[in-house]
Each structure stands twice: as C-alpha cells, then as structure tokens.
Amino acid sequence: MKKRDFPAFLAAMSSKTRKDQKMKIFYSELNHRVEPDGFALGLLNDTMPDWLYKGLRKDMVNSLKGFTEDVALEIVDDLIDVWTGLGFHLTGIGHVDSMLWDFYWHILDCAHTKGIKIEFKK
C-alpha cells in the first residue's frame, strides 16, 4: 500500500463501514510444506532436556519453521542457554523476542514444577 493511500484506507475502514462489510478469512495450510532448518532442528533435538514437557518440546520444534537458518540457529542457541543456566538472550526482533520470552517462561516453569534446579552462572 502506498503511503498516500493510507488516510483513504483509514476512512474506508471507519467503524460504520466495517459493520457493513463481510470479510472473508483465507487459510493456507503451510505447516506441512515448511520445514525448519535441519541443522538447527538437529541441535535442538540433541540438546533438549528430557524433563521438558512433550507439548513444549513440540512447540519449540514447530517454532523454527519459516525462519532462515541463521535465525533458527540463534533461537536454538538462545533456548539452550536458558536450560543450561547461561542466561537469557534477546535478538532485537520483536516477534522473535516475544516468542523467546514465552519459551523462557515455560522452560523455567517446567523446571520448577519438576523439581529441576537451573543454576544461572555468574
């Protein structure tokens, strides 16, 4: 969309206009067509602790789909650093950092629930 068209878009999407419009939802099934980077996936699977919840393990694997190999490897490295006690990383990419914080919380919650003590290195 061109910048000059943006005010027209906002006007077209006023609350009265939106009430009268019927928006369609389009679904493209890409889950089985997009694979995570093989090296990053292998590293994640080889280093993931057995004590992590099965659903959390699956979510972490699926989260690698659609990222470049560099970003996927960074995500895996950042996750490893949490369960090994090295620390938390941020990437500066908002949606990646949001996903990482969510995983960090779930990893620490899982460890706490299962009595696993993660000692963060000083």
N, C-alpha and C. Protein backbone atom coordinates (compact mmCIF):
# COMPACT_ATOMS: atom_id res chain seq x y z
N MET A 1 0.84 -1.16 0.00
CA MET A 1 0.00 0.00 0.00
C MET A 1 0.89 1.23 0.00
N LYS A 2 0.59 2.19 -0.82
CA LYS A 2 1.36 3.42 -0.91
C LYS A 2 0.99 4.30 0.27
N LYS A 3 1.98 5.09 0.72
CA LYS A 3 1.74 5.96 1.88
C LYS A 3 0.60 6.93 1.62
N ARG A 4 0.50 7.45 0.43
CA ARG A 4 -0.55 8.43 0.15
C ARG A 4 -1.94 7.82 0.22
N ASP A 5 -2.04 6.50 0.12
CA ASP A 5 -3.32 5.82 0.19
C ASP A 5 -3.74 5.51 1.62
N PHE A 6 -2.86 5.68 2.57
CA PHE A 6 -3.14 5.27 3.94
C PHE A 6 -4.33 6.01 4.56
N PRO A 7 -4.44 7.35 4.44
CA PRO A 7 -5.63 8.02 5.00
C PRO A 7 -6.93 7.53 4.37
N ALA A 8 -6.88 7.25 3.06
CA ALA A 8 -8.09 6.74 2.40
C ALA A 8 -8.45 5.37 2.95
N PHE A 9 -7.46 4.56 3.26
CA PHE A 9 -7.70 3.24 3.84
C PHE A 9 -8.37 3.38 5.20
N LEU A 10 -7.87 4.31 6.02
CA LEU A 10 -8.46 4.51 7.35
C LEU A 10 -9.90 4.98 7.24
N ALA A 11 -10.16 5.88 6.29
CA ALA A 11 -11.53 6.35 6.11
C ALA A 11 -12.44 5.22 5.66
N ALA A 12 -11.94 4.39 4.77
CA ALA A 12 -12.74 3.26 4.27
C ALA A 12 -13.03 2.25 5.37
N MET A 13 -12.17 2.19 6.36
CA MET A 13 -12.33 1.22 7.43
C MET A 13 -12.95 1.83 8.68
N SER A 14 -13.68 2.93 8.54
CA SER A 14 -14.34 3.54 9.69
C SER A 14 -15.29 2.51 10.31
N SER A 15 -15.67 2.74 11.55
CA SER A 15 -16.48 1.74 12.25
C SER A 15 -17.80 1.46 11.54
N LYS A 16 -18.43 2.48 10.96
CA LYS A 16 -19.69 2.25 10.25
C LYS A 16 -19.47 1.36 9.03
N THR A 17 -18.38 1.62 8.30
CA THR A 17 -18.08 0.83 7.10
C THR A 17 -17.79 -0.62 7.48
N ARG A 18 -17.03 -0.81 8.54
CA ARG A 18 -16.66 -2.18 8.95
C ARG A 18 -17.88 -3.00 9.34
N LYS A 19 -18.88 -2.39 9.93
CA LYS A 19 -20.07 -3.13 10.33
C LYS A 19 -20.79 -3.72 9.13
N ASP A 20 -20.76 -3.00 8.02
CA ASP A 20 -21.49 -3.43 6.84
C ASP A 20 -20.71 -4.40 5.95
N GLN A 21 -19.42 -4.54 6.20
CA GLN A 21 -18.61 -5.39 5.34
C GLN A 21 -18.54 -6.81 5.89
N LYS A 22 -18.49 -7.74 5.00
CA LYS A 22 -18.32 -9.14 5.37
C LYS A 22 -16.92 -9.55 4.88
N MET A 23 -16.01 -9.68 5.81
CA MET A 23 -14.64 -10.04 5.46
C MET A 23 -14.52 -11.55 5.40
N LYS A 24 -13.79 -12.03 4.43
CA LYS A 24 -13.53 -13.46 4.29
C LYS A 24 -12.23 -13.79 5.01
N ILE A 25 -12.14 -15.00 5.46
CA ILE A 25 -10.92 -15.50 6.06
C ILE A 25 -10.37 -16.56 5.13
N PHE A 26 -9.13 -16.39 4.73
CA PHE A 26 -8.48 -17.34 3.84
C PHE A 26 -7.44 -18.12 4.65
N TYR A 27 -7.42 -19.41 4.48
CA TYR A 27 -6.50 -20.27 5.21
C TYR A 27 -5.61 -21.01 4.22
N SER A 28 -4.32 -20.84 4.38
CA SER A 28 -3.36 -21.56 3.55
C SER A 28 -2.61 -22.53 4.44
N GLU A 29 -2.79 -23.80 4.24
CA GLU A 29 -2.13 -24.82 5.06
C GLU A 29 -0.67 -24.93 4.64
N LEU A 30 0.20 -24.32 5.41
CA LEU A 30 1.63 -24.34 5.10
C LEU A 30 2.42 -25.20 6.07
N ASN A 31 1.78 -25.67 7.14
CA ASN A 31 2.50 -26.38 8.18
C ASN A 31 3.31 -27.56 7.66
N HIS A 32 2.78 -28.31 6.73
CA HIS A 32 3.49 -29.48 6.23
C HIS A 32 4.37 -29.17 5.03
N ARG A 33 4.31 -27.92 4.55
CA ARG A 33 5.11 -27.53 3.40
C ARG A 33 6.36 -26.76 3.80
N VAL A 34 6.41 -26.30 5.05
CA VAL A 34 7.55 -25.52 5.53
C VAL A 34 8.26 -26.33 6.60
N GLU A 35 9.51 -26.60 6.39
CA GLU A 35 10.31 -27.37 7.34
C GLU A 35 11.32 -26.47 8.03
N PRO A 36 11.64 -26.75 9.30
CA PRO A 36 12.68 -25.97 9.96
C PRO A 36 14.06 -26.32 9.41
N ASP A 37 15.00 -25.43 9.61
CA ASP A 37 16.37 -25.70 9.20
C ASP A 37 16.86 -26.99 9.85
N GLY A 38 17.41 -27.89 9.04
CA GLY A 38 17.81 -29.21 9.52
C GLY A 38 18.88 -29.18 10.60
N PHE A 39 19.88 -28.32 10.43
CA PHE A 39 20.96 -28.25 11.43
C PHE A 39 20.42 -27.73 12.76
N ALA A 40 19.65 -26.64 12.71
CA ALA A 40 19.09 -26.07 13.94
C ALA A 40 18.17 -27.07 14.62
N LEU A 41 17.34 -27.76 13.83
CA LEU A 41 16.44 -28.76 14.39
C LEU A 41 17.20 -29.90 15.04
N GLY A 42 18.24 -30.37 14.40
CA GLY A 42 19.06 -31.44 14.97
C GLY A 42 19.71 -31.02 16.28
N LEU A 43 20.23 -29.79 16.30
CA LEU A 43 20.86 -29.27 17.52
C LEU A 43 19.84 -29.16 18.65
N LEU A 44 18.65 -28.67 18.32
CA LEU A 44 17.60 -28.56 19.33
C LEU A 44 17.23 -29.93 19.88
N ASN A 45 16.98 -30.87 19.00
CA ASN A 45 16.59 -32.22 19.44
C ASN A 45 17.70 -32.92 20.23
N ASP A 46 18.94 -32.70 19.87
CA ASP A 46 20.06 -33.34 20.56
C ASP A 46 20.34 -32.76 21.94
N THR A 47 19.95 -31.52 22.16
CA THR A 47 20.29 -30.87 23.42
C THR A 47 19.10 -30.68 24.36
N MET A 48 17.90 -30.91 23.86
CA MET A 48 16.71 -30.67 24.66
C MET A 48 16.67 -31.64 25.86
N PRO A 49 16.52 -31.11 27.05
CA PRO A 49 16.47 -32.00 28.22
C PRO A 49 15.21 -32.85 28.22
N ASP A 50 15.34 -34.05 28.76
CA ASP A 50 14.20 -34.99 28.83
C ASP A 50 13.08 -34.48 29.73
N TRP A 51 13.39 -33.61 30.67
CA TRP A 51 12.40 -33.17 31.64
C TRP A 51 11.42 -32.14 31.08
N LEU A 52 11.66 -31.63 29.88
CA LEU A 52 10.72 -30.66 29.30
C LEU A 52 9.42 -31.35 28.92
N TYR A 53 8.32 -30.64 29.10
CA TYR A 53 7.02 -31.17 28.71
C TYR A 53 7.02 -31.51 27.23
N LYS A 54 6.33 -32.59 26.89
CA LYS A 54 6.24 -33.02 25.50
C LYS A 54 5.66 -31.93 24.59
N GLY A 55 4.61 -31.27 25.05
CA GLY A 55 3.99 -30.20 24.27
C GLY A 55 4.93 -29.02 24.06
N LEU A 56 5.71 -28.69 25.09
CA LEU A 56 6.67 -27.61 24.98
C LEU A 56 7.77 -27.97 23.98
N ARG A 57 8.21 -29.21 24.03
CA ARG A 57 9.23 -29.67 23.08
C ARG A 57 8.70 -29.54 21.64
N LYS A 58 7.45 -29.95 21.43
CA LYS A 58 6.85 -29.88 20.10
C LYS A 58 6.70 -28.42 19.65
N ASP A 59 6.27 -27.55 20.56
CA ASP A 59 6.12 -26.13 20.23
C ASP A 59 7.46 -25.51 19.83
N MET A 60 8.53 -25.87 20.53
CA MET A 60 9.84 -25.32 20.20
C MET A 60 10.30 -25.78 18.83
N VAL A 61 10.07 -27.05 18.51
CA VAL A 61 10.43 -27.57 17.19
C VAL A 61 9.63 -26.84 16.11
N ASN A 62 8.33 -26.72 16.30
CA ASN A 62 7.48 -26.07 15.30
C ASN A 62 7.78 -24.58 15.16
N SER A 63 8.29 -23.97 16.21
CA SER A 63 8.57 -22.54 16.16
C SER A 63 9.70 -22.20 15.20
N LEU A 64 10.51 -23.19 14.85
CA LEU A 64 11.64 -22.94 13.95
C LEU A 64 11.22 -22.85 12.49
N LYS A 65 10.00 -23.26 12.19
CA LYS A 65 9.53 -23.25 10.80
C LYS A 65 9.41 -21.82 10.29
N GLY A 66 9.90 -21.61 9.08
CA GLY A 66 9.75 -20.32 8.42
C GLY A 66 10.89 -19.34 8.67
N PHE A 67 11.81 -19.69 9.55
CA PHE A 67 12.95 -18.81 9.80
C PHE A 67 14.14 -19.20 8.94
N THR A 68 14.98 -18.23 8.63
CA THR A 68 16.22 -18.53 7.92
C THR A 68 17.09 -19.39 8.82
N GLU A 69 18.08 -20.04 8.24
CA GLU A 69 18.93 -20.92 9.05
C GLU A 69 19.67 -20.13 10.13
N ASP A 70 20.06 -18.88 9.84
CA ASP A 70 20.76 -18.07 10.85
C ASP A 70 19.86 -17.75 12.04
N VAL A 71 18.63 -17.35 11.77
CA VAL A 71 17.71 -17.00 12.85
C VAL A 71 17.29 -18.25 13.61
N ALA A 72 17.05 -19.35 12.91
CA ALA A 72 16.68 -20.61 13.57
C ALA A 72 17.80 -21.06 14.51
N LEU A 73 19.03 -20.95 14.06
CA LEU A 73 20.17 -21.35 14.90
C LEU A 73 20.30 -20.43 16.10
N GLU A 74 20.06 -19.14 15.92
CA GLU A 74 20.09 -18.20 17.04
C GLU A 74 19.02 -18.55 18.06
N ILE A 75 17.82 -18.88 17.61
CA ILE A 75 16.73 -19.25 18.51
C ILE A 75 17.12 -20.49 19.32
N VAL A 76 17.64 -21.50 18.65
CA VAL A 76 18.05 -22.72 19.35
C VAL A 76 19.15 -22.43 20.36
N ASP A 77 20.14 -21.65 19.96
CA ASP A 77 21.23 -21.29 20.87
C ASP A 77 20.70 -20.56 22.09
N ASP A 78 19.74 -19.67 21.88
CA ASP A 78 19.17 -18.91 22.99
C ASP A 78 18.40 -19.81 23.94
N LEU A 79 17.67 -20.78 23.41
CA LEU A 79 16.93 -21.73 24.25
C LEU A 79 17.89 -22.61 25.06
N ILE A 80 18.94 -23.07 24.42
CA ILE A 80 19.94 -23.90 25.10
C ILE A 80 20.54 -23.13 26.27
N ASP A 81 20.83 -21.86 26.06
CA ASP A 81 21.45 -21.05 27.12
C ASP A 81 20.55 -20.90 28.34
N VAL A 82 19.23 -21.03 28.17
CA VAL A 82 18.33 -20.95 29.32
C VAL A 82 18.38 -22.24 30.13
N TRP A 83 18.19 -23.40 29.47
CA TRP A 83 18.15 -24.63 30.28
C TRP A 83 19.52 -25.07 30.78
N THR A 84 20.60 -24.49 30.23
CA THR A 84 21.93 -24.78 30.77
C THR A 84 22.36 -23.76 31.81
N GLY A 85 21.54 -22.71 32.03
CA GLY A 85 21.83 -21.74 33.06
C GLY A 85 22.75 -20.61 32.64
N LEU A 86 23.02 -20.47 31.36
CA LEU A 86 23.91 -19.39 30.91
C LEU A 86 23.22 -18.03 30.97
N GLY A 87 21.94 -17.98 30.59
CA GLY A 87 21.21 -16.72 30.68
C GLY A 87 20.17 -16.57 29.59
N PHE A 88 19.61 -15.37 29.52
CA PHE A 88 18.55 -15.05 28.56
C PHE A 88 19.13 -14.17 27.45
N HIS A 89 18.69 -14.40 26.24
CA HIS A 89 19.11 -13.60 25.11
C HIS A 89 17.91 -12.92 24.47
N LEU A 90 18.15 -11.78 23.88
CA LEU A 90 17.18 -11.10 23.04
C LEU A 90 17.83 -10.87 21.68
N THR A 91 17.00 -10.83 20.65
CA THR A 91 17.53 -10.69 19.29
C THR A 91 17.37 -9.29 18.73
N GLY A 92 16.48 -8.50 19.31
CA GLY A 92 16.17 -7.19 18.74
C GLY A 92 15.06 -7.27 17.70
N ILE A 93 14.57 -8.48 17.43
CA ILE A 93 13.45 -8.69 16.51
C ILE A 93 12.24 -8.96 17.40
N GLY A 94 11.32 -8.01 17.42
CA GLY A 94 10.22 -8.04 18.38
C GLY A 94 9.46 -9.35 18.47
N HIS A 95 9.02 -9.89 17.34
CA HIS A 95 8.21 -11.10 17.40
C HIS A 95 9.05 -12.32 17.80
N VAL A 96 10.34 -12.31 17.47
CA VAL A 96 11.21 -13.41 17.90
C VAL A 96 11.45 -13.31 19.41
N ASP A 97 11.71 -12.11 19.90
CA ASP A 97 11.93 -11.92 21.34
C ASP A 97 10.69 -12.29 22.14
N SER A 98 9.53 -11.93 21.63
CA SER A 98 8.28 -12.29 22.29
C SER A 98 8.13 -13.81 22.39
N MET A 99 8.43 -14.49 21.30
CA MET A 99 8.37 -15.95 21.29
C MET A 99 9.39 -16.53 22.28
N LEU A 100 10.61 -15.98 22.27
CA LEU A 100 11.65 -16.47 23.18
C LEU A 100 11.25 -16.29 24.63
N TRP A 101 10.73 -15.11 25.00
CA TRP A 101 10.31 -14.88 26.39
C TRP A 101 9.23 -15.87 26.81
N ASP A 102 8.32 -16.17 25.89
CA ASP A 102 7.28 -17.14 26.19
C ASP A 102 7.91 -18.52 26.46
N PHE A 103 8.86 -18.91 25.62
CA PHE A 103 9.54 -20.20 25.85
C PHE A 103 10.37 -20.17 27.13
N TYR A 104 11.05 -19.07 27.40
CA TYR A 104 11.85 -18.97 28.63
C TYR A 104 10.96 -19.22 29.85
N TRP A 105 9.80 -18.56 29.87
CA TRP A 105 8.88 -18.72 31.00
C TRP A 105 8.45 -20.17 31.13
N HIS A 106 8.08 -20.79 29.99
CA HIS A 106 7.63 -22.18 30.04
C HIS A 106 8.75 -23.13 30.45
N ILE A 107 9.96 -22.90 30.00
CA ILE A 107 11.10 -23.74 30.39
C ILE A 107 11.32 -23.65 31.89
N LEU A 108 11.35 -22.42 32.42
CA LEU A 108 11.58 -22.25 33.86
C LEU A 108 10.42 -22.79 34.68
N ASP A 109 9.20 -22.63 34.20
CA ASP A 109 8.03 -23.17 34.90
C ASP A 109 8.09 -24.69 34.92
N CYS A 110 8.45 -25.29 33.80
CA CYS A 110 8.55 -26.74 33.72
C CYS A 110 9.64 -27.25 34.67
N ALA A 111 10.78 -26.58 34.67
CA ALA A 111 11.88 -26.98 35.57
C ALA A 111 11.43 -26.89 37.03
N HIS A 112 10.78 -25.80 37.38
CA HIS A 112 10.31 -25.62 38.75
C HIS A 112 9.31 -26.71 39.14
N THR A 113 8.34 -26.95 38.26
CA THR A 113 7.30 -27.94 38.52
C THR A 113 7.90 -29.34 38.70
N LYS A 114 8.93 -29.66 37.94
CA LYS A 114 9.52 -30.99 38.00
C LYS A 114 10.70 -31.08 38.97
N GLY A 115 10.94 -30.00 39.70
CA GLY A 115 12.00 -30.02 40.71
C GLY A 115 13.40 -29.94 40.13
N ILE A 116 13.53 -29.44 38.92
CA ILE A 116 14.84 -29.28 38.28
C ILE A 116 15.37 -27.91 38.65
N LYS A 117 16.58 -27.87 39.18
CA LYS A 117 17.17 -26.60 39.58
C LYS A 117 18.12 -26.13 38.47
N ILE A 118 17.75 -25.00 37.89
CA ILE A 118 18.62 -24.38 36.88
C ILE A 118 19.43 -23.31 37.60
N GLU A 119 20.72 -23.50 37.67
CA GLU A 119 21.59 -22.55 38.35
C GLU A 119 22.19 -21.64 37.28
N PHE A 120 21.86 -20.37 37.36
CA PHE A 120 22.39 -19.42 36.41
C PHE A 120 23.81 -19.03 36.80
N LYS A 121 24.68 -19.12 35.81
CA LYS A 121 26.10 -18.85 36.03
C LYS A 121 26.33 -17.36 36.18
N LYS A 122 27.22 -17.01 37.08
CA LYS A 122 27.52 -15.60 37.31
C LYS A 122 28.73 -15.17 36.53
